[in-house]
Amino acid sequence: MKFRIRCAGKALLVVVAIVVLGWVVMTLWNWVIPALFVGARAIDFAHALGLLVLSRILFGGFRGHGGGRYRRHWRKWEAMTPEEREQFQSAWRARHTRRTGDEA
């Protein structure tokens, strides 16, 4: 039950975030662009969402902060001696085969 409530809450949060980001893009566009460029028109909410998706495609935004975790693990791996790396790999394989039942 808690899992369903948590999933529903996350889905609702995503929808609210999309609506708020779309509204922010629309408001900023309608405030800045027509004042800067002669002949530029105001946009509606649907065009603001399209602009948001286009900016995501072109510039790769909305990634969050997950990348730092991988760099930290890579630095740890680089600091290990070859013996420590082998020990880590064998422990990882043992956990993986125990969990999935596969033979490595």
PDB file of N, CA and C in Angstrom:
ATOM      1  N   MET A   1       0.815  -1.189   0.000  1.00  0.00           N
ATOM      2  CA  MET A   1       0.000   0.000   0.000  1.00  0.00           C
ATOM      3  C   MET A   1       0.863   1.259   0.000  1.00  0.00           C
ATOM      4  N   LYS A   2       1.907   1.248   0.844  1.00  0.00           N
ATOM      5  CA  LYS A   2       2.793   2.407   0.898  1.00  0.00           C
ATOM      6  C   LYS A   2       3.481   2.634  -0.444  1.00  0.00           C
ATOM      7  N   PHE A   3       3.804   1.529  -1.131  1.00  0.00           N
ATOM      8  CA  PHE A   3       4.467   1.641  -2.424  1.00  0.00           C
ATOM      9  C   PHE A   3       3.572   2.368  -3.426  1.00  0.00           C
ATOM     10  N   ARG A   4       2.291   2.029  -3.445  1.00  0.00           N
ATOM     11  CA  ARG A   4       1.349   2.666  -4.373  1.00  0.00           C
ATOM     12  C   ARG A   4       1.177   4.152  -4.048  1.00  0.00           C
ATOM     13  N   ILE A   5       1.084   4.465  -2.771  1.00  0.00           N
ATOM     14  CA  ILE A   5       0.946   5.868  -2.369  1.00  0.00           C
ATOM     15  C   ILE A   5       2.197   6.643  -2.758  1.00  0.00           C
ATOM     16  N   ARG A   6       3.359   6.040  -2.538  1.00  0.00           N
ATOM     17  CA  ARG A   6       4.616   6.703  -2.884  1.00  0.00           C
ATOM     18  C   ARG A   6       4.724   6.912  -4.392  1.00  0.00           C
ATOM     19  N   CYS A   7       4.343   5.917  -5.173  1.00  0.00           N
ATOM     20  CA  CYS A   7       4.367   6.055  -6.642  1.00  0.00           C
ATOM     21  C   CYS A   7       3.388   7.117  -7.114  1.00  0.00           C
ATOM     22  N   ALA A   8       2.204   7.124  -6.540  1.00  0.00           N
ATOM     23  CA  ALA A   8       1.209   8.138  -6.907  1.00  0.00           C
ATOM     24  C   ALA A   8       1.704   9.530  -6.533  1.00  0.00           C
ATOM     25  N   GLY A   9       2.333   9.645  -5.382  1.00  0.00           N
ATOM     26  CA  GLY A   9       2.881  10.936  -4.960  1.00  0.00           C
ATOM     27  C   GLY A   9       3.977  11.416  -5.894  1.00  0.00           C
ATOM     28  N   LYS A  10       4.841  10.498  -6.314  1.00  0.00           N
ATOM     29  CA  LYS A  10       5.906  10.868  -7.245  1.00  0.00           C
ATOM     30  C   LYS A  10       5.337  11.261  -8.603  1.00  0.00           C
ATOM     31  N   ALA A  11       4.329  10.536  -9.069  1.00  0.00           N
ATOM     32  CA  ALA A  11       3.704  10.872 -10.350  1.00  0.00           C
ATOM     33  C   ALA A  11       3.049  12.246 -10.275  1.00  0.00           C
ATOM     34  N   LEU A  12       2.370  12.517  -9.173  1.00  0.00           N
ATOM     35  CA  LEU A  12       1.746  13.825  -8.985  1.00  0.00           C
ATOM     36  C   LEU A  12       2.804  14.925  -8.939  1.00  0.00           C
ATOM     37  N   LEU A  13       3.910  14.662  -8.273  1.00  0.00           N
ATOM     38  CA  LEU A  13       5.000  15.630  -8.204  1.00  0.00           C
ATOM     39  C   LEU A  13       5.573  15.919  -9.588  1.00  0.00           C
ATOM     40  N   VAL A  14       5.717  14.893 -10.409  1.00  0.00           N
ATOM     41  CA  VAL A  14       6.222  15.083 -11.779  1.00  0.00           C
ATOM     42  C   VAL A  14       5.258  15.934 -12.590  1.00  0.00           C
ATOM     43  N   VAL A  15       3.969  15.659 -12.482  1.00  0.00           N
ATOM     44  CA  VAL A  15       2.970  16.432 -13.223  1.00  0.00           C
ATOM     45  C   VAL A  15       2.981  17.891 -12.768  1.00  0.00           C
ATOM     46  N   VAL A  16       3.037  18.112 -11.465  1.00  0.00           N
ATOM     47  CA  VAL A  16       3.079  19.486 -10.944  1.00  0.00           C
ATOM     48  C   VAL A  16       4.349  20.188 -11.413  1.00  0.00           C
ATOM     49  N   ALA A  17       5.484  19.492 -11.406  1.00  0.00           N
ATOM     50  CA  ALA A  17       6.738  20.093 -11.863  1.00  0.00           C
ATOM     51  C   ALA A  17       6.667  20.477 -13.336  1.00  0.00           C
ATOM     52  N   ILE A  18       6.065  19.626 -14.155  1.00  0.00           N
ATOM     53  CA  ILE A  18       5.927  19.929 -15.583  1.00  0.00           C
ATOM     54  C   ILE A  18       5.048  21.158 -15.784  1.00  0.00           C
ATOM     55  N   VAL A  19       3.945  21.216 -15.047  1.00  0.00           N
ATOM     56  CA  VAL A  19       3.037  22.365 -15.164  1.00  0.00           C
ATOM     57  C   VAL A  19       3.736  23.651 -14.722  1.00  0.00           C
ATOM     58  N   VAL A  20       4.435  23.592 -13.600  1.00  0.00           N
ATOM     59  CA  VAL A  20       5.119  24.789 -13.101  1.00  0.00           C
ATOM     60  C   VAL A  20       6.228  25.220 -14.049  1.00  0.00           C
ATOM     61  N   LEU A  21       7.021  24.275 -14.552  1.00  0.00           N
ATOM     62  CA  LEU A  21       8.081  24.639 -15.497  1.00  0.00           C
ATOM     63  C   LEU A  21       7.507  25.221 -16.782  1.00  0.00           C
ATOM     64  N   GLY A  22       6.420  24.643 -17.269  1.00  0.00           N
ATOM     65  CA  GLY A  22       5.776  25.188 -18.460  1.00  0.00           C
ATOM     66  C   GLY A  22       5.272  26.599 -18.230  1.00  0.00           C
ATOM     67  N   TRP A  23       4.666  26.830 -17.077  1.00  0.00           N
ATOM     68  CA  TRP A  23       4.177  28.162 -16.751  1.00  0.00           C
ATOM     69  C   TRP A  23       5.324  29.161 -16.643  1.00  0.00           C
ATOM     70  N   VAL A  24       6.446  28.752 -16.026  1.00  0.00           N
ATOM     71  CA  VAL A  24       7.615  29.634 -15.900  1.00  0.00           C
ATOM     72  C   VAL A  24       8.173  29.985 -17.272  1.00  0.00           C
ATOM     73  N   VAL A  25       8.304  28.986 -18.152  1.00  0.00           N
ATOM     74  CA  VAL A  25       8.809  29.248 -19.504  1.00  0.00           C
ATOM     75  C   VAL A  25       7.880  30.201 -20.242  1.00  0.00           C
ATOM     76  N   MET A  26       6.576  29.953 -20.159  1.00  0.00           N
ATOM     77  CA  MET A  26       5.609  30.819 -20.844  1.00  0.00           C
ATOM     78  C   MET A  26       5.688  32.252 -20.320  1.00  0.00           C
ATOM     79  N   THR A  27       5.745  32.409 -19.005  1.00  0.00           N
ATOM     80  CA  THR A  27       5.787  33.735 -18.416  1.00  0.00           C
ATOM     81  C   THR A  27       7.066  34.470 -18.801  1.00  0.00           C
ATOM     82  N   LEU A  28       8.196  33.799 -18.703  1.00  0.00           N
ATOM     83  CA  LEU A  28       9.465  34.444 -19.067  1.00  0.00           C
ATOM     84  C   LEU A  28       9.509  34.801 -20.544  1.00  0.00           C
ATOM     85  N   TRP A  29       9.043  33.897 -21.383  1.00  0.00           N
ATOM     86  CA  TRP A  29       9.028  34.173 -22.827  1.00  0.00           C
ATOM     87  C   TRP A  29       8.164  35.398 -23.126  1.00  0.00           C
ATOM     88  N   ASN A  30       6.951  35.417 -22.574  1.00  0.00           N
ATOM     89  CA  ASN A  30       6.031  36.511 -22.848  1.00  0.00           C
ATOM     90  C   ASN A  30       6.503  37.830 -22.235  1.00  0.00           C
ATOM     91  N   TRP A  31       7.345  37.777 -21.230  1.00  0.00           N
ATOM     92  CA  TRP A  31       7.870  38.990 -20.613  1.00  0.00           C
ATOM     93  C   TRP A  31       9.088  39.515 -21.355  1.00  0.00           C
ATOM     94  N   VAL A  32       9.988  38.611 -21.772  1.00  0.00           N
ATOM     95  CA  VAL A  32      11.273  39.038 -22.333  1.00  0.00           C
ATOM     96  C   VAL A  32      11.258  39.146 -23.857  1.00  0.00           C
ATOM     97  N   ILE A  33      10.854  38.123 -24.549  1.00  0.00           N
ATOM     98  CA  ILE A  33      11.040  38.045 -26.002  1.00  0.00           C
ATOM     99  C   ILE A  33      10.274  39.137 -26.761  1.00  0.00           C
ATOM    100  N   PRO A  34       8.983  39.369 -26.503  1.00  0.00           N
ATOM    101  CA  PRO A  34       8.316  40.443 -27.257  1.00  0.00           C
ATOM    102  C   PRO A  34       8.919  41.824 -27.002  1.00  0.00           C
ATOM    103  N   ALA A  35       9.495  42.042 -25.825  1.00  0.00           N
ATOM    104  CA  ALA A  35      10.123  43.327 -25.536  1.00  0.00           C
ATOM    105  C   ALA A  35      11.458  43.473 -26.263  1.00  0.00           C
ATOM    106  N   LEU A  36      12.152  42.363 -26.499  1.00  0.00           N
ATOM    107  CA  LEU A  36      13.466  42.427 -27.145  1.00  0.00           C
ATOM    108  C   LEU A  36      13.392  42.430 -28.664  1.00  0.00           C
ATOM    109  N   PHE A  37      12.497  41.657 -29.217  1.00  0.00           N
ATOM    110  CA  PHE A  37      12.444  41.483 -30.668  1.00  0.00           C
ATOM    111  C   PHE A  37      11.134  42.013 -31.225  1.00  0.00           C
ATOM    112  N   VAL A  38      11.231  42.901 -32.177  1.00  0.00           N
ATOM    113  CA  VAL A  38      10.043  43.458 -32.817  1.00  0.00           C
ATOM    114  C   VAL A  38       9.379  42.359 -33.645  1.00  0.00           C
ATOM    115  N   GLY A  39       8.108  42.208 -33.503  1.00  0.00           N
ATOM    116  CA  GLY A  39       7.370  41.204 -34.262  1.00  0.00           C
ATOM    117  C   GLY A  39       7.252  39.867 -33.560  1.00  0.00           C
ATOM    118  N   ALA A  40       7.917  39.691 -32.424  1.00  0.00           N
ATOM    119  CA  ALA A  40       7.797  38.427 -31.686  1.00  0.00           C
ATOM    120  C   ALA A  40       6.443  38.394 -30.988  1.00  0.00           C
ATOM    121  N   ARG A  41       5.823  37.220 -30.975  1.00  0.00           N
ATOM    122  CA  ARG A  41       4.501  37.074 -30.384  1.00  0.00           C
ATOM    123  C   ARG A  41       4.588  36.401 -29.019  1.00  0.00           C
ATOM    124  N   ALA A  42       3.567  36.596 -28.245  1.00  0.00           N
ATOM    125  CA  ALA A  42       3.439  35.869 -26.978  1.00  0.00           C
ATOM    126  C   ALA A  42       3.063  34.425 -27.293  1.00  0.00           C
ATOM    127  N   ILE A  43       3.405  33.518 -26.401  1.00  0.00           N
ATOM    128  CA  ILE A  43       3.101  32.101 -26.616  1.00  0.00           C
ATOM    129  C   ILE A  43       2.099  31.633 -25.572  1.00  0.00           C
ATOM    130  N   ASP A  44       1.436  30.528 -25.861  1.00  0.00           N
ATOM    131  CA  ASP A  44       0.515  29.952 -24.894  1.00  0.00           C
ATOM    132  C   ASP A  44       1.206  28.808 -24.155  1.00  0.00           C
ATOM    133  N   PHE A  45       0.463  28.151 -23.263  1.00  0.00           N
ATOM    134  CA  PHE A  45       1.029  27.119 -22.401  1.00  0.00           C
ATOM    135  C   PHE A  45       1.560  25.923 -23.193  1.00  0.00           C
ATOM    136  N   ALA A  46       0.834  25.487 -24.203  1.00  0.00           N
ATOM    137  CA  ALA A  46       1.264  24.332 -24.999  1.00  0.00           C
ATOM    138  C   ALA A  46       2.581  24.631 -25.717  1.00  0.00           C
ATOM    139  N   HIS A  47       2.727  25.835 -26.255  1.00  0.00           N
ATOM    140  CA  HIS A  47       3.985  26.195 -26.903  1.00  0.00           C
ATOM    141  C   HIS A  47       5.125  26.293 -25.884  1.00  0.00           C
ATOM    142  N   ALA A  48       4.814  26.725 -24.675  1.00  0.00           N
ATOM    143  CA  ALA A  48       5.833  26.783 -23.622  1.00  0.00           C
ATOM    144  C   ALA A  48       6.328  25.385 -23.277  1.00  0.00           C
ATOM    145  N   LEU A  49       5.406  24.413 -23.195  1.00  0.00           N
ATOM    146  CA  LEU A  49       5.828  23.026 -22.939  1.00  0.00           C
ATOM    147  C   LEU A  49       6.661  22.489 -24.097  1.00  0.00           C
ATOM    148  N   GLY A  50       6.268  22.826 -25.326  1.00  0.00           N
ATOM    149  CA  GLY A  50       7.062  22.412 -26.484  1.00  0.00           C
ATOM    150  C   GLY A  50       8.452  23.020 -26.457  1.00  0.00           C
ATOM    151  N   LEU A  51       8.540  24.283 -26.068  1.00  0.00           N
ATOM    152  CA  LEU A  51       9.842  24.941 -25.952  1.00  0.00           C
ATOM    153  C   LEU A  51      10.689  24.293 -24.868  1.00  0.00           C
ATOM    154  N   LEU A  52      10.049  23.883 -23.785  1.00  0.00           N
ATOM    155  CA  LEU A  52      10.748  23.199 -22.702  1.00  0.00           C
ATOM    156  C   LEU A  52      11.308  21.859 -23.176  1.00  0.00           C
ATOM    157  N   VAL A  53      10.523  21.102 -23.913  1.00  0.00           N
ATOM    158  CA  VAL A  53      10.987  19.814 -24.447  1.00  0.00           C
ATOM    159  C   VAL A  53      12.106  20.036 -25.463  1.00  0.00           C
ATOM    160  N   LEU A  54      11.953  21.039 -26.305  1.00  0.00           N
ATOM    161  CA  LEU A  54      12.992  21.342 -27.286  1.00  0.00           C
ATOM    162  C   LEU A  54      14.303  21.725 -26.609  1.00  0.00           C
ATOM    163  N   SER A  55      14.219  22.517 -25.565  1.00  0.00           N
ATOM    164  CA  SER A  55      15.447  22.886 -24.852  1.00  0.00           C
ATOM    165  C   SER A  55      16.072  21.667 -24.192  1.00  0.00           C
ATOM    166  N   ARG A  56      15.251  20.734 -23.726  1.00  0.00           N
ATOM    167  CA  ARG A  56      15.766  19.494 -23.139  1.00  0.00           C
ATOM    168  C   ARG A  56      16.514  18.674 -24.187  1.00  0.00           C
ATOM    169  N   ILE A  57      15.947  18.615 -25.378  1.00  0.00           N
ATOM    170  CA  ILE A  57      16.582  17.857 -26.451  1.00  0.00           C
ATOM    171  C   ILE A  57      17.890  18.517 -26.882  1.00  0.00           C
ATOM    172  N   LEU A  58      17.866  19.826 -27.035  1.00  0.00           N
ATOM    173  CA  LEU A  58      19.045  20.525 -27.548  1.00  0.00           C
ATOM    174  C   LEU A  58      20.153  20.673 -26.520  1.00  0.00           C
ATOM    175  N   PHE A  59      19.804  20.938 -25.291  1.00  0.00           N
ATOM    176  CA  PHE A  59      20.817  21.267 -24.292  1.00  0.00           C
ATOM    177  C   PHE A  59      20.988  20.218 -23.215  1.00  0.00           C
ATOM    178  N   GLY A  60      20.150  19.202 -23.179  1.00  0.00           N
ATOM    179  CA  GLY A  60      20.319  18.094 -22.241  1.00  0.00           C
ATOM    180  C   GLY A  60      20.146  18.478 -20.793  1.00  0.00           C
ATOM    181  N   GLY A  61      19.186  19.316 -20.476  1.00  0.00           N
ATOM    182  CA  GLY A  61      18.960  19.734 -19.099  1.00  0.00           C
ATOM    183  C   GLY A  61      18.165  18.718 -18.312  1.00  0.00           C
ATOM    184  N   PHE A  62      17.753  19.086 -17.118  1.00  0.00           N
ATOM    185  CA  PHE A  62      16.923  18.290 -16.212  1.00  0.00           C
ATOM    186  C   PHE A  62      17.574  16.968 -15.832  1.00  0.00           C
ATOM    187  N   ARG A  63      18.872  16.933 -15.687  1.00  0.00           N
ATOM    188  CA  ARG A  63      19.555  15.670 -15.387  1.00  0.00           C
ATOM    189  C   ARG A  63      19.637  15.362 -13.910  1.00  0.00           C
ATOM    190  N   GLY A  64      19.491  16.323 -13.060  1.00  0.00           N
ATOM    191  CA  GLY A  64      19.616  16.066 -11.636  1.00  0.00           C
ATOM    192  C   GLY A  64      21.070  16.052 -11.212  1.00  0.00           C
ATOM    193  N   HIS A  65      21.320  15.473 -10.048  1.00  0.00           N
ATOM    194  CA  HIS A  65      22.668  15.490  -9.490  1.00  0.00           C
ATOM    195  C   HIS A  65      23.225  14.095  -9.300  1.00  0.00           C
ATOM    196  N   GLY A  66      22.830  13.144 -10.121  1.00  0.00           N
ATOM    197  CA  GLY A  66      23.283  11.768  -9.957  1.00  0.00           C
ATOM    198  C   GLY A  66      24.695  11.512 -10.449  1.00  0.00           C
ATOM    199  N   GLY A  67      25.242  12.387 -11.279  1.00  0.00           N
ATOM    200  CA  GLY A  67      26.555  12.145 -11.861  1.00  0.00           C
ATOM    201  C   GLY A  67      27.688  12.150 -10.862  1.00  0.00           C
ATOM    202  N   GLY A  68      27.553  12.903  -9.785  1.00  0.00           N
ATOM    203  CA  GLY A  68      28.615  12.990  -8.787  1.00  0.00           C
ATOM    204  C   GLY A  68      28.883  11.659  -8.115  1.00  0.00           C
ATOM    205  N   ARG A  69      27.849  10.852  -7.961  1.00  0.00           N
ATOM    206  CA  ARG A  69      27.992   9.550  -7.315  1.00  0.00           C
ATOM    207  C   ARG A  69      28.933   8.660  -8.130  1.00  0.00           C
ATOM    208  N   TYR A  70      28.800   8.686  -9.452  1.00  0.00           N
ATOM    209  CA  TYR A  70      29.628   7.827 -10.288  1.00  0.00           C
ATOM    210  C   TYR A  70      31.079   8.300 -10.287  1.00  0.00           C
ATOM    211  N   ARG A  71      31.289   9.598 -10.271  1.00  0.00           N
ATOM    212  CA  ARG A  71      32.663  10.104 -10.198  1.00  0.00           C
ATOM    213  C   ARG A  71      33.313   9.704  -8.889  1.00  0.00           C
ATOM    214  N   ARG A  72      32.554   9.742  -7.808  1.00  0.00           N
ATOM    215  CA  ARG A  72      33.090   9.361  -6.506  1.00  0.00           C
ATOM    216  C   ARG A  72      33.498   7.887  -6.523  1.00  0.00           C
ATOM    217  N   HIS A  73      32.654   7.027  -7.113  1.00  0.00           N
ATOM    218  CA  HIS A  73      32.988   5.608  -7.193  1.00  0.00           C
ATOM    219  C   HIS A  73      34.217   5.393  -8.075  1.00  0.00           C
ATOM    220  N   TRP A  74      34.299   6.158  -9.165  1.00  0.00           N
ATOM    221  CA  TRP A  74      35.449   6.014 -10.050  1.00  0.00           C
ATOM    222  C   TRP A  74      36.727   6.425  -9.319  1.00  0.00           C
ATOM    223  N   ARG A  75      36.695   7.498  -8.555  1.00  0.00           N
ATOM    224  CA  ARG A  75      37.890   7.915  -7.799  1.00  0.00           C
ATOM    225  C   ARG A  75      38.282   6.837  -6.791  1.00  0.00           C
ATOM    226  N   LYS A  76      37.287   6.226  -6.157  1.00  0.00           N
ATOM    227  CA  LYS A  76      37.577   5.135  -5.219  1.00  0.00           C
ATOM    228  C   LYS A  76      38.242   3.968  -5.949  1.00  0.00           C
ATOM    229  N   TRP A  77      37.714   3.627  -7.117  1.00  0.00           N
ATOM    230  CA  TRP A  77      38.269   2.531  -7.911  1.00  0.00           C
ATOM    231  C   TRP A  77      39.703   2.837  -8.316  1.00  0.00           C
ATOM    232  N   GLU A  78      39.960   4.061  -8.733  1.00  0.00           N
ATOM    233  CA  GLU A  78      41.305   4.449  -9.152  1.00  0.00           C
ATOM    234  C   GLU A  78      42.299   4.408  -8.001  1.00  0.00           C
ATOM    235  N   ALA A  79      41.822   4.644  -6.783  1.00  0.00           N
ATOM    236  CA  ALA A  79      42.708   4.654  -5.620  1.00  0.00           C
ATOM    237  C   ALA A  79      43.026   3.249  -5.115  1.00  0.00           C
ATOM    238  N   MET A  80      42.297   2.245  -5.601  1.00  0.00           N
ATOM    239  CA  MET A  80      42.520   0.868  -5.127  1.00  0.00           C
ATOM    240  C   MET A  80      43.782   0.280  -5.749  1.00  0.00           C
ATOM    241  N   THR A  81      44.404  -0.596  -4.982  1.00  0.00           N
ATOM    242  CA  THR A  81      45.521  -1.363  -5.517  1.00  0.00           C
ATOM    243  C   THR A  81      44.943  -2.500  -6.358  1.00  0.00           C
ATOM    244  N   PRO A  82      45.761  -3.125  -7.221  1.00  0.00           N
ATOM    245  CA  PRO A  82      45.237  -4.255  -8.008  1.00  0.00           C
ATOM    246  C   PRO A  82      44.667  -5.380  -7.142  1.00  0.00           C
ATOM    247  N   GLU A  83      45.254  -5.626  -5.974  1.00  0.00           N
ATOM    248  CA  GLU A  83      44.726  -6.663  -5.087  1.00  0.00           C
ATOM    249  C   GLU A  83      43.355  -6.278  -4.546  1.00  0.00           C
ATOM    250  N   GLU A  84      43.196  -4.995  -4.173  1.00  0.00           N
ATOM    251  CA  GLU A  84      41.902  -4.536  -3.672  1.00  0.00           C
ATOM    252  C   GLU A  84      40.835  -4.597  -4.766  1.00  0.00           C
ATOM    253  N   ARG A  85      41.241  -4.287  -5.993  1.00  0.00           N
ATOM    254  CA  ARG A  85      40.290  -4.359  -7.101  1.00  0.00           C
ATOM    255  C   ARG A  85      39.822  -5.793  -7.325  1.00  0.00           C
ATOM    256  N   GLU A  86      40.758  -6.735  -7.283  1.00  0.00           N
ATOM    257  CA  GLU A  86      40.406  -8.139  -7.473  1.00  0.00           C
ATOM    258  C   GLU A  86      39.499  -8.621  -6.348  1.00  0.00           C
ATOM    259  N   GLN A  87      39.786  -8.224  -5.129  1.00  0.00           N
ATOM    260  CA  GLN A  87      38.951  -8.594  -3.992  1.00  0.00           C
ATOM    261  C   GLN A  87      37.548  -8.001  -4.145  1.00  0.00           C
ATOM    262  N   PHE A  88      37.467  -6.758  -4.575  1.00  0.00           N
ATOM    263  CA  PHE A  88      36.169  -6.112  -4.782  1.00  0.00           C
ATOM    264  C   PHE A  88      35.388  -6.834  -5.875  1.00  0.00           C
ATOM    265  N   GLN A  89      36.057  -7.160  -6.983  1.00  0.00           N
ATOM    266  CA  GLN A  89      35.377  -7.828  -8.093  1.00  0.00           C
ATOM    267  C   GLN A  89      34.876  -9.203  -7.685  1.00  0.00           C
ATOM    268  N   SER A  90      35.676  -9.953  -6.934  1.00  0.00           N
ATOM    269  CA  SER A  90      35.233 -11.285  -6.520  1.00  0.00           C
ATOM    270  C   SER A  90      34.059 -11.188  -5.544  1.00  0.00           C
ATOM    271  N   ALA A  91      34.081 -10.197  -4.646  1.00  0.00           N
ATOM    272  CA  ALA A  91      32.955 -10.011  -3.722  1.00  0.00           C
ATOM    273  C   ALA A  91      31.705  -9.599  -4.494  1.00  0.00           C
ATOM    274  N   TRP A  92      31.849  -8.739  -5.495  1.00  0.00           N
ATOM    275  CA  TRP A  92      30.702  -8.306  -6.291  1.00  0.00           C
ATOM    276  C   TRP A  92      30.116  -9.484  -7.064  1.00  0.00           C
ATOM    277  N   ARG A  93      30.992 -10.305  -7.652  1.00  0.00           N
ATOM    278  CA  ARG A  93      30.517 -11.481  -8.391  1.00  0.00           C
ATOM    279  C   ARG A  93      29.777 -12.444  -7.468  1.00  0.00           C
ATOM    280  N   ALA A  94      30.305 -12.623  -6.247  1.00  0.00           N
ATOM    281  CA  ALA A  94      29.656 -13.530  -5.301  1.00  0.00           C
ATOM    282  C   ALA A  94      28.261 -13.018  -4.943  1.00  0.00           C
ATOM    283  N   ARG A  95      28.124 -11.727  -4.709  1.00  0.00           N
ATOM    284  CA  ARG A  95      26.806 -11.168  -4.407  1.00  0.00           C
ATOM    285  C   ARG A  95      25.877 -11.286  -5.600  1.00  0.00           C
ATOM    286  N   HIS A  96      26.404 -11.031  -6.784  1.00  0.00           N
ATOM    287  CA  HIS A  96      25.578 -11.063  -7.992  1.00  0.00           C
ATOM    288  C   HIS A  96      25.084 -12.473  -8.293  1.00  0.00           C
ATOM    289  N   THR A  97      25.935 -13.458  -8.196  1.00  0.00           N
ATOM    290  CA  THR A  97      25.516 -14.832  -8.494  1.00  0.00           C
ATOM    291  C   THR A  97      24.565 -15.347  -7.423  1.00  0.00           C
ATOM    292  N   ARG A  98      24.743 -14.935  -6.180  1.00  0.00           N
ATOM    293  CA  ARG A  98      23.851 -15.363  -5.105  1.00  0.00           C
ATOM    294  C   ARG A  98      22.461 -14.775  -5.314  1.00  0.00           C
ATOM    295  N   ARG A  99      22.392 -13.519  -5.791  1.00  0.00           N
ATOM    296  CA  ARG A  99      21.107 -12.851  -5.963  1.00  0.00           C
ATOM    297  C   ARG A  99      20.370 -13.363  -7.183  1.00  0.00           C
ATOM    298  N   THR A 100      21.068 -13.555  -8.308  1.00  0.00           N
ATOM    299  CA  THR A 100      20.378 -13.929  -9.551  1.00  0.00           C
ATOM    300  C   THR A 100      20.390 -15.423  -9.807  1.00  0.00           C
ATOM    301  N   GLY A 101      21.311 -16.141  -9.175  1.00  0.00           N
ATOM    302  CA  GLY A 101      21.399 -17.570  -9.426  1.00  0.00           C
ATOM    303  C   GLY A 101      22.220 -17.901 -10.658  1.00  0.00           C
ATOM    304  N   ASP A 102      22.829 -16.895 -11.296  1.00  0.00           N
ATOM    305  CA  ASP A 102      23.667 -17.132 -12.477  1.00  0.00           C
ATOM    306  C   ASP A 102      25.043 -17.606 -12.057  1.00  0.00           C
ATOM    307  N   GLU A 103      25.677 -18.304 -12.941  1.00  0.00           N
ATOM    308  CA  GLU A 103      27.071 -18.698 -12.724  1.00  0.00           C
ATOM    309  C   GLU A 103      27.958 -17.777 -13.536  1.00  0.00           C
ATOM    310  N   ALA A 104      28.888 -17.116 -12.913  1.00  0.00           N
ATOM    311  CA  ALA A 104      29.754 -16.161 -13.610  1.00  0.00           C
ATOM    312  C   ALA A 104      30.910 -16.875 -14.274  1.00  0.00           C
TER     313      ALA A 104
END
